[in-house]
PDB file of N, CA and C in Angstrom:
ATOM      1  N   UNK A   1      18.072  -3.273   1.438  1.00  0.00           N
ATOM      2  CA  UNK A   1      17.001  -2.396   1.859  1.00  0.00           C
ATOM      3  C   UNK A   1      15.720  -3.233   1.955  1.00  0.00           C
ATOM      4  N   UNK A   2      15.035  -3.126   3.094  1.00  0.00           N
ATOM      5  CA  UNK A   2      13.786  -3.870   3.238  1.00  0.00           C
ATOM      6  C   UNK A   2      12.597  -3.002   2.830  1.00  0.00           C
ATOM      7  N   UNK A   3      11.408  -3.582   2.868  1.00  0.00           N
ATOM      8  CA  UNK A   3      10.207  -2.887   2.418  1.00  0.00           C
ATOM      9  C   UNK A   3       9.899  -1.628   3.206  1.00  0.00           C
ATOM     10  N   UNK A   4      10.139  -1.657   4.512  1.00  0.00           N
ATOM     11  CA  UNK A   4       9.866  -0.474   5.325  1.00  0.00           C
ATOM     12  C   UNK A   4      10.822   0.666   4.976  1.00  0.00           C
ATOM     13  N   UNK A   5      12.046   0.330   4.629  1.00  0.00           N
ATOM     14  CA  UNK A   5      12.994   1.359   4.193  1.00  0.00           C
ATOM     15  C   UNK A   5      12.569   1.960   2.853  1.00  0.00           C
ATOM     16  N   UNK A   6      12.066   1.117   1.958  1.00  0.00           N
ATOM     17  CA  UNK A   6      11.561   1.606   0.670  1.00  0.00           C
ATOM     18  C   UNK A   6      10.376   2.538   0.914  1.00  0.00           C
ATOM     19  N   UNK A   7       9.457   2.121   1.775  1.00  0.00           N
ATOM     20  CA  UNK A   7       8.299   2.946   2.118  1.00  0.00           C
ATOM     21  C   UNK A   7       8.730   4.297   2.684  1.00  0.00           C
ATOM     22  N   UNK A   8       9.697   4.272   3.568  1.00  0.00           N
ATOM     23  CA  UNK A   8      10.188   5.513   4.177  1.00  0.00           C
ATOM     24  C   UNK A   8      10.750   6.454   3.109  1.00  0.00           C
ATOM     25  N   UNK A   9      11.495   5.909   2.163  1.00  0.00           N
ATOM     26  CA  UNK A   9      12.065   6.748   1.095  1.00  0.00           C
ATOM     27  C   UNK A   9      10.978   7.316   0.183  1.00  0.00           C
ATOM     28  N   UNK A  10       9.996   6.480  -0.152  1.00  0.00           N
ATOM     29  CA  UNK A  10       8.908   6.947  -1.021  1.00  0.00           C
ATOM     30  C   UNK A  10       8.161   8.091  -0.352  1.00  0.00           C
ATOM     31  N   UNK A  11       7.828   7.924   0.921  1.00  0.00           N
ATOM     32  CA  UNK A  11       7.007   8.918   1.612  1.00  0.00           C
ATOM     33  C   UNK A  11       7.791  10.141   2.076  1.00  0.00           C
ATOM     34  N   UNK A  12       9.106  10.071   2.070  1.00  0.00           N
ATOM     35  CA  UNK A  12       9.909  11.229   2.483  1.00  0.00           C
ATOM     36  C   UNK A  12      10.290  12.127   1.304  1.00  0.00           C
ATOM     37  N   UNK A  13      10.067  11.657   0.090  1.00  0.00           N
ATOM     38  CA  UNK A  13      10.415  12.428  -1.105  1.00  0.00           C
ATOM     39  C   UNK A  13       9.164  13.138  -1.624  1.00  0.00           C
ATOM     40  N   UNK A  14       9.172  14.462  -1.724  1.00  0.00           N
ATOM     41  CA  UNK A  14       7.990  15.197  -2.199  1.00  0.00           C
ATOM     42  C   UNK A  14       7.510  14.751  -3.582  1.00  0.00           C
ATOM     43  N   UNK A  15       8.409  14.247  -4.415  1.00  0.00           N
ATOM     44  CA  UNK A  15       8.035  13.812  -5.765  1.00  0.00           C
ATOM     45  C   UNK A  15       7.219  12.532  -5.755  1.00  0.00           C
ATOM     46  N   UNK A  16       7.369  11.707  -4.717  1.00  0.00           N
ATOM     47  CA  UNK A  16       6.689  10.408  -4.681  1.00  0.00           C
ATOM     48  C   UNK A  16       5.755  10.247  -3.480  1.00  0.00           C
ATOM     49  N   UNK A  17       5.689  11.249  -2.634  1.00  0.00           N
ATOM     50  CA  UNK A  17       4.922  11.151  -1.381  1.00  0.00           C
ATOM     51  C   UNK A  17       3.461  10.784  -1.608  1.00  0.00           C
ATOM     52  N   UNK A  18       2.828  11.293  -2.658  1.00  0.00           N
ATOM     53  CA  UNK A  18       1.400  11.072  -2.884  1.00  0.00           C
ATOM     54  C   UNK A  18       1.082   9.749  -3.577  1.00  0.00           C
ATOM     55  N   UNK A  19       2.092   9.005  -3.974  1.00  0.00           N
ATOM     56  CA  UNK A  19       1.852   7.707  -4.613  1.00  0.00           C
ATOM     57  C   UNK A  19       1.265   6.759  -3.573  1.00  0.00           C
ATOM     58  N   UNK A  20       0.103   6.155  -3.863  1.00  0.00           N
ATOM     59  CA  UNK A  20      -0.466   5.207  -2.904  1.00  0.00           C
ATOM     60  C   UNK A  20       0.433   3.983  -2.765  1.00  0.00           C
ATOM     61  N   UNK A  21       0.646   3.553  -1.538  1.00  0.00           N
ATOM     62  CA  UNK A  21       1.479   2.388  -1.269  1.00  0.00           C
ATOM     63  C   UNK A  21       0.649   1.361  -0.504  1.00  0.00           C
ATOM     64  N   UNK A  22       0.607   0.156  -1.033  1.00  0.00           N
ATOM     65  CA  UNK A  22      -0.062  -0.960  -0.378  1.00  0.00           C
ATOM     66  C   UNK A  22       1.007  -1.968   0.002  1.00  0.00           C
ATOM     67  N   UNK A  23       1.075  -2.297   1.285  1.00  0.00           N
ATOM     68  CA  UNK A  23       1.997  -3.322   1.754  1.00  0.00           C
ATOM     69  C   UNK A  23       1.282  -4.666   1.631  1.00  0.00           C
ATOM     70  N   UNK A  24       1.865  -5.571   0.893  1.00  0.00           N
ATOM     71  CA  UNK A  24       1.356  -6.935   0.737  1.00  0.00           C
ATOM     72  C   UNK A  24       2.429  -7.840   1.323  1.00  0.00           C
ATOM     73  N   UNK A  25       2.151  -8.419   2.480  1.00  0.00           N
ATOM     74  CA  UNK A  25       3.182  -9.082   3.258  1.00  0.00           C
ATOM     75  C   UNK A  25       2.675 -10.358   3.903  1.00  0.00           C
ATOM     76  N   UNK A  26       3.593 -11.148   4.403  1.00  0.00           N
ATOM     77  CA  UNK A  26       3.224 -12.338   5.181  1.00  0.00           C
ATOM     78  C   UNK A  26       3.237 -12.041   6.676  1.00  0.00           C
ATOM     79  N   UNK A  27       3.683 -10.853   7.051  1.00  0.00           N
ATOM     80  CA  UNK A  27       3.807 -10.502   8.470  1.00  0.00           C
ATOM     81  C   UNK A  27       2.495 -10.031   9.065  1.00  0.00           C
ATOM     82  N   UNK A  28       2.089 -10.684  10.151  1.00  0.00           N
ATOM     83  CA  UNK A  28       0.915 -10.269  10.915  1.00  0.00           C
ATOM     84  C   UNK A  28       1.333  -9.515  12.177  1.00  0.00           C
ATOM     85  N   UNK A  29       2.631  -9.260  12.311  1.00  0.00           N
ATOM     86  CA  UNK A  29       3.150  -8.602  13.507  1.00  0.00           C
ATOM     87  C   UNK A  29       2.584  -7.197  13.651  1.00  0.00           C
ATOM     88  N   UNK A  30       1.978  -6.902  14.782  1.00  0.00           N
ATOM     89  CA  UNK A  30       1.377  -5.602  15.028  1.00  0.00           C
ATOM     90  C   UNK A  30       2.405  -4.475  14.915  1.00  0.00           C
ATOM     91  N   UNK A  31       3.646  -4.745  15.308  1.00  0.00           N
ATOM     92  CA  UNK A  31       4.704  -3.735  15.184  1.00  0.00           C
ATOM     93  C   UNK A  31       4.915  -3.339  13.723  1.00  0.00           C
ATOM     94  N   UNK A  32       4.859  -4.309  12.816  1.00  0.00           N
ATOM     95  CA  UNK A  32       5.027  -4.027  11.389  1.00  0.00           C
ATOM     96  C   UNK A  32       3.849  -3.213  10.849  1.00  0.00           C
ATOM     97  N   UNK A  33       2.642  -3.548  11.287  1.00  0.00           N
ATOM     98  CA  UNK A  33       1.452  -2.810  10.860  1.00  0.00           C
ATOM     99  C   UNK A  33       1.553  -1.357  11.323  1.00  0.00           C
ATOM    100  N   UNK A  34       1.849  -1.165  12.603  1.00  0.00           N
ATOM    101  CA  UNK A  34       1.932   0.180  13.181  1.00  0.00           C
ATOM    102  C   UNK A  34       3.025   0.990  12.495  1.00  0.00           C
ATOM    103  N   UNK A  35       4.213   0.398  12.337  1.00  0.00           N
ATOM    104  CA  UNK A  35       5.318   1.126  11.708  1.00  0.00           C
ATOM    105  C   UNK A  35       4.980   1.500  10.271  1.00  0.00           C
ATOM    106  N   UNK A  36       4.326   0.597   9.547  1.00  0.00           N
ATOM    107  CA  UNK A  36       3.952   0.885   8.166  1.00  0.00           C
ATOM    108  C   UNK A  36       3.020   2.085   8.094  1.00  0.00           C
ATOM    109  N   UNK A  37       2.010   2.116   8.951  1.00  0.00           N
ATOM    110  CA  UNK A  37       1.086   3.253   8.946  1.00  0.00           C
ATOM    111  C   UNK A  37       1.763   4.531   9.418  1.00  0.00           C
ATOM    112  N   UNK A  38       2.663   4.430  10.364  1.00  0.00           N
ATOM    113  CA  UNK A  38       3.393   5.623  10.807  1.00  0.00           C
ATOM    114  C   UNK A  38       4.261   6.184   9.692  1.00  0.00           C
ATOM    115  N   UNK A  39       4.731   5.323   8.800  1.00  0.00           N
ATOM    116  CA  UNK A  39       5.564   5.759   7.679  1.00  0.00           C
ATOM    117  C   UNK A  39       4.728   6.233   6.489  1.00  0.00           C
ATOM    118  N   UNK A  40       3.398   6.063   6.554  1.00  0.00           N
ATOM    119  CA  UNK A  40       2.544   6.607   5.504  1.00  0.00           C
ATOM    120  C   UNK A  40       1.915   5.615   4.555  1.00  0.00           C
ATOM    121  N   UNK A  41       1.939   4.325   4.890  1.00  0.00           N
ATOM    122  CA  UNK A  41       1.311   3.344   4.003  1.00  0.00           C
ATOM    123  C   UNK A  41      -0.182   3.639   3.888  1.00  0.00           C
ATOM    124  N   UNK A  42      -0.760   3.318   2.734  1.00  0.00           N
ATOM    125  CA  UNK A  42      -2.184   3.543   2.513  1.00  0.00           C
ATOM    126  C   UNK A  42      -3.027   2.321   2.830  1.00  0.00           C
ATOM    127  N   UNK A  43      -2.418   1.147   2.801  1.00  0.00           N
ATOM    128  CA  UNK A  43      -3.125  -0.079   3.134  1.00  0.00           C
ATOM    129  C   UNK A  43      -2.100  -1.157   3.485  1.00  0.00           C
ATOM    130  N   UNK A  44      -2.458  -2.015   4.427  1.00  0.00           N
ATOM    131  CA  UNK A  44      -1.582  -3.104   4.880  1.00  0.00           C
ATOM    132  C   UNK A  44      -2.373  -4.392   4.758  1.00  0.00           C
ATOM    133  N   UNK A  45      -1.920  -5.287   3.897  1.00  0.00           N
ATOM    134  CA  UNK A  45      -2.633  -6.530   3.627  1.00  0.00           C
ATOM    135  C   UNK A  45      -1.715  -7.719   3.880  1.00  0.00           C
ATOM    136  N   UNK A  46      -2.214  -8.661   4.676  1.00  0.00           N
ATOM    137  CA  UNK A  46      -1.471  -9.899   4.924  1.00  0.00           C
ATOM    138  C   UNK A  46      -1.868 -10.894   3.843  1.00  0.00           C
ATOM    139  N   UNK A  47      -0.859 -11.400   3.141  1.00  0.00           N
ATOM    140  CA  UNK A  47      -1.097 -12.315   2.018  1.00  0.00           C
ATOM    141  C   UNK A  47      -1.707 -13.627   2.500  1.00  0.00           C
ATOM    142  N   UNK A  48      -2.761 -14.084   1.823  1.00  0.00           N
ATOM    143  CA  UNK A  48      -3.246 -15.433   2.099  1.00  0.00           C
ATOM    144  C   UNK A  48      -2.188 -16.456   1.663  1.00  0.00           C
ATOM    145  N   UNK A  49      -2.093 -17.563   2.373  1.00  0.00           N
ATOM    146  CA  UNK A  49      -1.088 -18.591   2.053  1.00  0.00           C
ATOM    147  C   UNK A  49      -1.517 -19.402   0.828  1.00  0.00           C
ATOM    148  N   UNK A  50      -2.789 -19.716   0.736  1.00  0.00           N
ATOM    149  CA  UNK A  50      -3.330 -20.503  -0.363  1.00  0.00           C
ATOM    150  C   UNK A  50      -3.292 -19.681  -1.655  1.00  0.00           C
ATOM    151  N   UNK A  51      -2.812 -20.273  -2.754  1.00  0.00           N
ATOM    152  CA  UNK A  51      -2.653 -19.537  -4.007  1.00  0.00           C
ATOM    153  C   UNK A  51      -3.973 -18.980  -4.534  1.00  0.00           C
ATOM    154  N   UNK A  52      -5.029 -19.778  -4.499  1.00  0.00           N
ATOM    155  CA  UNK A  52      -6.316 -19.312  -5.006  1.00  0.00           C
ATOM    156  C   UNK A  52      -6.822 -18.116  -4.196  1.00  0.00           C
ATOM    157  N   UNK A  53      -6.645 -18.181  -2.890  1.00  0.00           N
ATOM    158  CA  UNK A  53      -7.054 -17.060  -2.027  1.00  0.00           C
ATOM    159  C   UNK A  53      -6.184 -15.837  -2.287  1.00  0.00           C
ATOM    160  N   UNK A  54      -4.896 -16.073  -2.521  1.00  0.00           N
ATOM    161  CA  UNK A  54      -3.980 -14.971  -2.830  1.00  0.00           C
ATOM    162  C   UNK A  54      -4.390 -14.298  -4.140  1.00  0.00           C
ATOM    163  N   UNK A  55      -4.671 -15.096  -5.163  1.00  0.00           N
ATOM    164  CA  UNK A  55      -5.076 -14.548  -6.462  1.00  0.00           C
ATOM    165  C   UNK A  55      -6.367 -13.747  -6.325  1.00  0.00           C
ATOM    166  N   UNK A  56      -7.315 -14.250  -5.547  1.00  0.00           N
ATOM    167  CA  UNK A  56      -8.579 -13.534  -5.342  1.00  0.00           C
ATOM    168  C   UNK A  56      -8.340 -12.218  -4.602  1.00  0.00           C
ATOM    169  N   UNK A  57      -7.461 -12.228  -3.608  1.00  0.00           N
ATOM    170  CA  UNK A  57      -7.151 -11.015  -2.849  1.00  0.00           C
ATOM    171  C   UNK A  57      -6.506  -9.965  -3.748  1.00  0.00           C
ATOM    172  N   UNK A  58      -5.590 -10.376  -4.600  1.00  0.00           N
ATOM    173  CA  UNK A  58      -4.932  -9.442  -5.519  1.00  0.00           C
ATOM    174  C   UNK A  58      -5.947  -8.870  -6.506  1.00  0.00           C
ATOM    175  N   UNK A  59      -6.853  -9.696  -6.978  1.00  0.00           N
ATOM    176  CA  UNK A  59      -7.890  -9.220  -7.894  1.00  0.00           C
ATOM    177  C   UNK A  59      -8.781  -8.188  -7.201  1.00  0.00           C
ATOM    178  N   UNK A  60      -9.202  -8.465  -5.978  1.00  0.00           N
ATOM    179  CA  UNK A  60     -10.041  -7.524  -5.240  1.00  0.00           C
ATOM    180  C   UNK A  60      -9.293  -6.230  -4.960  1.00  0.00           C
ATOM    181  N   UNK A  61      -8.024  -6.353  -4.633  1.00  0.00           N
ATOM    182  CA  UNK A  61      -7.191  -5.177  -4.382  1.00  0.00           C
ATOM    183  C   UNK A  61      -7.101  -4.310  -5.641  1.00  0.00           C
ATOM    184  N   UNK A  62      -6.868  -4.936  -6.767  1.00  0.00           N
ATOM    185  CA  UNK A  62      -6.792  -4.207  -8.024  1.00  0.00           C
ATOM    186  C   UNK A  62      -8.099  -3.516  -8.355  1.00  0.00           C
ATOM    187  N   UNK A  63      -9.207  -4.197  -8.147  1.00  0.00           N
ATOM    188  CA  UNK A  63     -10.519  -3.611  -8.421  1.00  0.00           C
ATOM    189  C   UNK A  63     -10.764  -2.410  -7.513  1.00  0.00           C
ATOM    190  N   UNK A  64     -10.396  -2.523  -6.260  1.00  0.00           N
ATOM    191  CA  UNK A  64     -10.575  -1.403  -5.333  1.00  0.00           C
ATOM    192  C   UNK A  64      -9.807  -0.171  -5.806  1.00  0.00           C
ATOM    193  N   UNK A  65      -8.505  -0.330  -6.060  1.00  0.00           N
ATOM    194  CA  UNK A  65      -7.663   0.816  -6.421  1.00  0.00           C
ATOM    195  C   UNK A  65      -8.023   1.382  -7.784  1.00  0.00           C
ATOM    196  N   UNK A  66      -8.464   0.546  -8.711  1.00  0.00           N
ATOM    197  CA  UNK A  66      -8.777   1.029 -10.052  1.00  0.00           C
ATOM    198  C   UNK A  66     -10.196   1.582 -10.193  1.00  0.00           C
ATOM    199  N   UNK A  67     -11.155   0.991  -9.481  1.00  0.00           N
ATOM    200  CA  UNK A  67     -12.553   1.359  -9.703  1.00  0.00           C
ATOM    201  C   UNK A  67     -13.207   2.119  -8.552  1.00  0.00           C
ATOM    202  N   UNK A  68     -12.870   1.809  -7.325  1.00  0.00           N
ATOM    203  CA  UNK A  68     -13.571   2.392  -6.188  1.00  0.00           C
ATOM    204  C   UNK A  68     -12.853   3.562  -5.543  1.00  0.00           C
ATOM    205  N   UNK A  69     -11.559   3.517  -5.512  1.00  0.00           N
ATOM    206  CA  UNK A  69     -10.770   4.560  -4.852  1.00  0.00           C
ATOM    207  C   UNK A  69     -10.827   5.865  -5.649  1.00  0.00           C
ATOM    208  N   UNK A  70     -11.016   6.972  -4.941  1.00  0.00           N
ATOM    209  CA  UNK A  70     -10.954   8.288  -5.574  1.00  0.00           C
ATOM    210  C   UNK A  70      -9.587   8.893  -5.266  1.00  0.00           C
ATOM    211  N   UNK A  71      -8.929   9.332  -6.306  1.00  0.00           N
ATOM    212  CA  UNK A  71      -7.603   9.923  -6.101  1.00  0.00           C
ATOM    213  C   UNK A  71      -7.603  11.351  -6.626  1.00  0.00           C
ATOM    214  N   UNK A  72      -6.756  12.175  -6.075  1.00  0.00           N
ATOM    215  CA  UNK A  72      -6.727  13.576  -6.519  1.00  0.00           C
ATOM    216  C   UNK A  72      -6.094  13.703  -7.895  1.00  0.00           C
ATOM    217  N   UNK A  73      -6.497  14.745  -8.608  1.00  0.00           N
ATOM    218  CA  UNK A  73      -5.891  15.083  -9.877  1.00  0.00           C
ATOM    219  C   UNK A  73      -4.903  16.216  -9.587  1.00  0.00           C
ATOM    220  N   UNK A  74      -3.650  15.889  -9.457  1.00  0.00           N
ATOM    221  CA  UNK A  74      -2.641  16.880  -9.081  1.00  0.00           C
ATOM    222  C   UNK A  74      -2.369  17.880 -10.200  1.00  0.00           C
ATOM    223  N   UNK A  75      -2.772  17.564 -11.400  1.00  0.00           N
ATOM    224  CA  UNK A  75      -2.546  18.491 -12.513  1.00  0.00           C
ATOM    225  C   UNK A  75      -3.620  19.553 -12.595  1.00  0.00           C
ATOM    226  N   UNK A  76      -4.771  19.281 -12.003  1.00  0.00           N
ATOM    227  CA  UNK A  76      -5.880  20.232 -12.026  1.00  0.00           C
ATOM    228  C   UNK A  76      -5.653  21.322 -10.991  1.00  0.00           C
ATOM    229  N   UNK A  77      -5.940  22.547 -11.364  1.00  0.00           N
ATOM    230  CA  UNK A  77      -5.769  23.662 -10.420  1.00  0.00           C
ATOM    231  C   UNK A  77      -7.078  24.000  -9.740  1.00  0.00           C
ATOM    232  N   UNK A  78      -8.174  23.311 -10.083  1.00  0.00           N
ATOM    233  CA  UNK A  78      -9.487  23.577  -9.486  1.00  0.00           C
ATOM    234  C   UNK A  78      -9.712  22.703  -8.303  1.00  0.00           C
TER     235      UNK A  78
END
């Protein structure tokens, strides 16, 4: 099973549909980007080749999802 198949399964299951999915890939192919978004990906990031740049990108990604992104509280009824 490849990553797009995993994404399709996550987004097709009501129990996991709302889980944010970030694709971190080496593919710059526009077809892969389009298909990922059509399947429900929340972000598509092409990995930097250089390790230091990759580490910085992962750190920025983590900071975004943990500190800046607003997510719904599914347990709240308000």
